[in-house]
């Protein structure tokens, strides 16, 4: 059993999955994660959280958002990650139980590897013609991390929902 209760995860999952798809698409297409999608993800937790989580869990999870936002901002300023990635991580943080951090890091490592390899392979094949104008194809040194981040979050919430 994961730290995110199955009942809560089932409520969050449709929203996380849809927002995650949108984040992946916008990051692949334009190498940016829109603020609206980040605010929507945070809003899902803020609005639905009190109905599906005990208040003694809900409150501290909001602190996760603040802590990761501060850390992400610092990493973004240092050039370690993009600002959109940092904001997405902050919005996603309340959904992840501290007890599940090891699993989350494993999911993130797996999705990063899969997304990177898939992106680089498709970039060099005729499949690229399906979306010829995507900005992510033109940047050799950058990678649309929103794809891996949103996939890892969606997988985590799905695992919690069906565990």
Protein backbone atom coordinates (compact mmCIF):
# COMPACT_ATOMS: atom_id res chain seq x y z
CA UNK A 1 0.00 0.00 0.00
CA UNK A 2 1.25 3.44 -0.89
CA UNK A 3 1.21 6.59 1.21
CA UNK A 4 -1.42 8.15 -1.05
CA UNK A 5 -4.74 6.52 -0.13
CA UNK A 6 -6.41 4.64 -3.01
CA UNK A 7 -9.71 6.51 -2.63
CA UNK A 8 -7.94 9.88 -2.79
CA UNK A 9 -5.80 8.76 -5.72
CA UNK A 10 -8.91 7.73 -7.68
CA UNK A 11 -10.34 11.20 -7.23
CA UNK A 12 -7.09 12.90 -8.28
CA UNK A 13 -6.23 10.55 -11.17
CA UNK A 14 -8.49 11.86 -13.96
CA UNK A 15 -7.35 15.43 -13.34
CA UNK A 16 -3.67 14.50 -13.00
CA UNK A 17 -3.80 12.42 -16.19
CA UNK A 18 -5.49 15.12 -18.29
CA UNK A 19 -3.26 17.90 -17.01
CA UNK A 20 -0.25 15.62 -17.50
CA UNK A 21 -1.15 14.98 -21.13
CA UNK A 22 -1.50 18.71 -21.72
CA UNK A 23 1.83 19.45 -20.01
CA UNK A 24 3.57 16.79 -22.12
CA UNK A 25 2.10 18.15 -25.32
CA UNK A 26 2.89 21.81 -24.62
CA UNK A 27 6.43 21.00 -23.51
CA UNK A 28 7.10 18.90 -26.60
CA UNK A 29 5.49 21.45 -28.89
CA UNK A 30 6.88 24.67 -27.45
CA UNK A 31 9.42 23.74 -24.75
CA UNK A 32 7.33 25.40 -22.09
CA UNK A 33 4.88 24.41 -19.41
CA UNK A 34 2.05 26.96 -19.20
CA UNK A 35 1.43 28.56 -15.84
CA UNK A 36 -2.28 27.80 -16.19
CA UNK A 37 -1.61 24.05 -16.20
CA UNK A 38 0.58 24.33 -13.10
CA UNK A 39 -2.04 26.41 -11.30
CA UNK A 40 -4.73 23.95 -12.33
CA UNK A 41 -2.71 21.01 -10.95
CA UNK A 42 -2.14 22.81 -7.65
CA UNK A 43 -5.81 23.79 -7.62
CA UNK A 44 -6.88 20.17 -7.96
CA UNK A 45 -5.07 19.35 -4.74
CA UNK A 46 -6.16 22.52 -2.93
CA UNK A 47 -9.85 22.10 -3.83
CA UNK A 48 -10.27 18.32 -3.72
CA UNK A 49 -7.69 17.48 -1.04
CA UNK A 50 -9.79 18.45 1.99
CA UNK A 51 -12.58 16.15 0.80
CA UNK A 52 -10.41 13.05 0.26
CA UNK A 53 -7.55 13.40 2.76
CA UNK A 54 -7.58 13.77 6.53
CA UNK A 55 -6.74 17.36 7.51
CA UNK A 56 -3.64 16.22 9.42
CA UNK A 57 -2.30 14.92 6.08
CA UNK A 58 -3.70 17.65 3.84
CA UNK A 59 -2.15 20.58 5.74
CA UNK A 60 1.45 19.35 5.79
CA UNK A 61 1.20 18.36 2.12
CA UNK A 62 0.57 22.02 1.27
CA UNK A 63 3.95 22.74 2.83
CA UNK A 64 5.47 20.35 0.26
CA UNK A 65 4.31 22.73 -2.45
CA UNK A 66 6.01 25.70 -0.80
CA UNK A 67 9.25 23.82 -0.04
CA UNK A 68 9.59 22.44 -3.56
CA UNK A 69 8.71 25.82 -5.09
CA UNK A 70 11.55 27.49 -3.16
CA UNK A 71 14.00 24.70 -4.01
CA UNK A 72 12.88 24.62 -7.64
CA UNK A 73 13.21 28.38 -7.96
CA UNK A 74 16.78 28.18 -6.67
CA UNK A 75 17.61 25.36 -9.10
CA UNK A 76 16.03 27.30 -11.95
CA UNK A 77 18.05 30.43 -11.15
CA UNK A 78 21.21 28.29 -11.15
CA UNK A 79 20.26 26.92 -14.58
CA UNK A 80 19.82 23.35 -13.38
CA UNK A 81 16.20 23.14 -14.57
CA UNK A 82 13.63 25.20 -16.39
CA UNK A 83 11.23 27.41 -14.50
CA UNK A 84 8.22 25.49 -15.85
CA UNK A 85 9.68 22.22 -14.62
CA UNK A 86 10.28 23.72 -11.18
CA UNK A 87 6.73 25.05 -10.99
CA UNK A 88 5.28 21.72 -12.14
CA UNK A 89 7.28 19.87 -9.46
CA UNK A 90 5.96 22.26 -6.82
CA UNK A 91 2.36 21.78 -7.95
CA UNK A 92 2.82 18.00 -8.01
CA UNK A 93 4.55 17.80 -4.61
CA UNK A 94 1.41 17.75 -2.42
CA UNK A 95 0.12 14.72 -4.30
CA UNK A 96 3.16 12.64 -3.36
CA UNK A 97 3.40 11.13 0.12
CA UNK A 98 6.81 11.44 1.76
CA UNK A 99 6.73 7.68 2.40
CA UNK A 100 6.59 7.17 -1.38
CA UNK A 101 9.57 9.35 -2.34
CA UNK A 102 11.75 6.34 -3.17
CA UNK A 103 9.10 4.99 -5.53
CA UNK A 104 8.57 8.44 -7.03
CA UNK A 105 12.29 8.82 -7.74
CA UNK A 106 12.34 5.37 -9.39
CA UNK A 107 9.33 6.28 -11.53
CA UNK A 108 10.93 9.57 -12.45
CA UNK A 109 14.22 7.89 -13.41
CA UNK A 110 12.38 5.36 -15.57
CA UNK A 111 10.16 7.96 -17.26
CA UNK A 112 13.11 10.29 -17.86
CA UNK A 113 15.06 7.53 -19.57
CA UNK A 114 12.07 6.34 -21.61
CA UNK A 115 11.03 9.86 -22.62
CA UNK A 116 14.57 10.89 -23.53
CA UNK A 117 15.24 7.81 -25.67
CA UNK A 118 11.82 7.96 -27.33
CA UNK A 119 12.16 11.68 -28.06
CA UNK A 120 15.65 11.33 -29.53
CA UNK A 121 14.72 8.30 -31.64
CA UNK A 122 11.55 9.87 -33.05
CA UNK A 123 13.45 13.09 -33.72
CA UNK A 124 15.62 11.16 -36.18
CA UNK A 125 12.91 9.11 -37.90
CA UNK A 126 10.06 9.83 -40.32
CA UNK A 127 7.67 9.87 -37.34
CA UNK A 128 8.91 13.39 -36.72
CA UNK A 129 6.78 14.50 -39.69
CA UNK A 130 3.66 13.93 -37.57
CA UNK A 131 4.58 17.10 -35.68
CA UNK A 132 7.20 18.84 -37.82
CA UNK A 133 7.03 22.22 -36.09
CA UNK A 134 7.67 21.13 -32.51
CA UNK A 135 10.30 23.25 -30.84
CA UNK A 136 11.71 20.26 -28.98
CA UNK A 137 13.00 18.79 -32.26
CA UNK A 138 15.14 21.87 -32.89
CA UNK A 139 16.91 21.98 -29.54
CA UNK A 140 19.74 19.48 -29.27
CA UNK A 141 20.89 20.45 -25.78
CA UNK A 142 17.45 20.83 -24.21
CA UNK A 143 14.91 18.19 -23.37
CA UNK A 144 11.17 18.61 -22.62
CA UNK A 145 11.25 17.35 -19.03
CA UNK A 146 7.55 18.07 -18.58
CA UNK A 147 6.89 14.84 -20.45
CA UNK A 148 8.81 12.74 -17.95
CA UNK A 149 7.59 14.70 -14.92
CA UNK A 150 3.92 14.47 -15.83
CA UNK A 151 4.19 10.80 -16.81
CA UNK A 152 5.90 9.91 -13.52
CA UNK A 153 3.22 11.75 -11.53
CA UNK A 154 0.39 10.12 -13.47
CA UNK A 155 1.91 6.65 -13.01
CA UNK A 156 2.37 7.26 -9.28
CA UNK A 157 -1.23 8.38 -8.77
CA UNK A 158 -2.47 5.47 -10.91
CA UNK A 159 -0.42 2.98 -8.87
CA UNK A 160 -1.87 4.44 -5.67
CA UNK A 161 -5.40 4.37 -7.10
CA UNK A 162 -5.24 0.68 -7.96
CA UNK A 163 -3.06 -0.69 -5.17
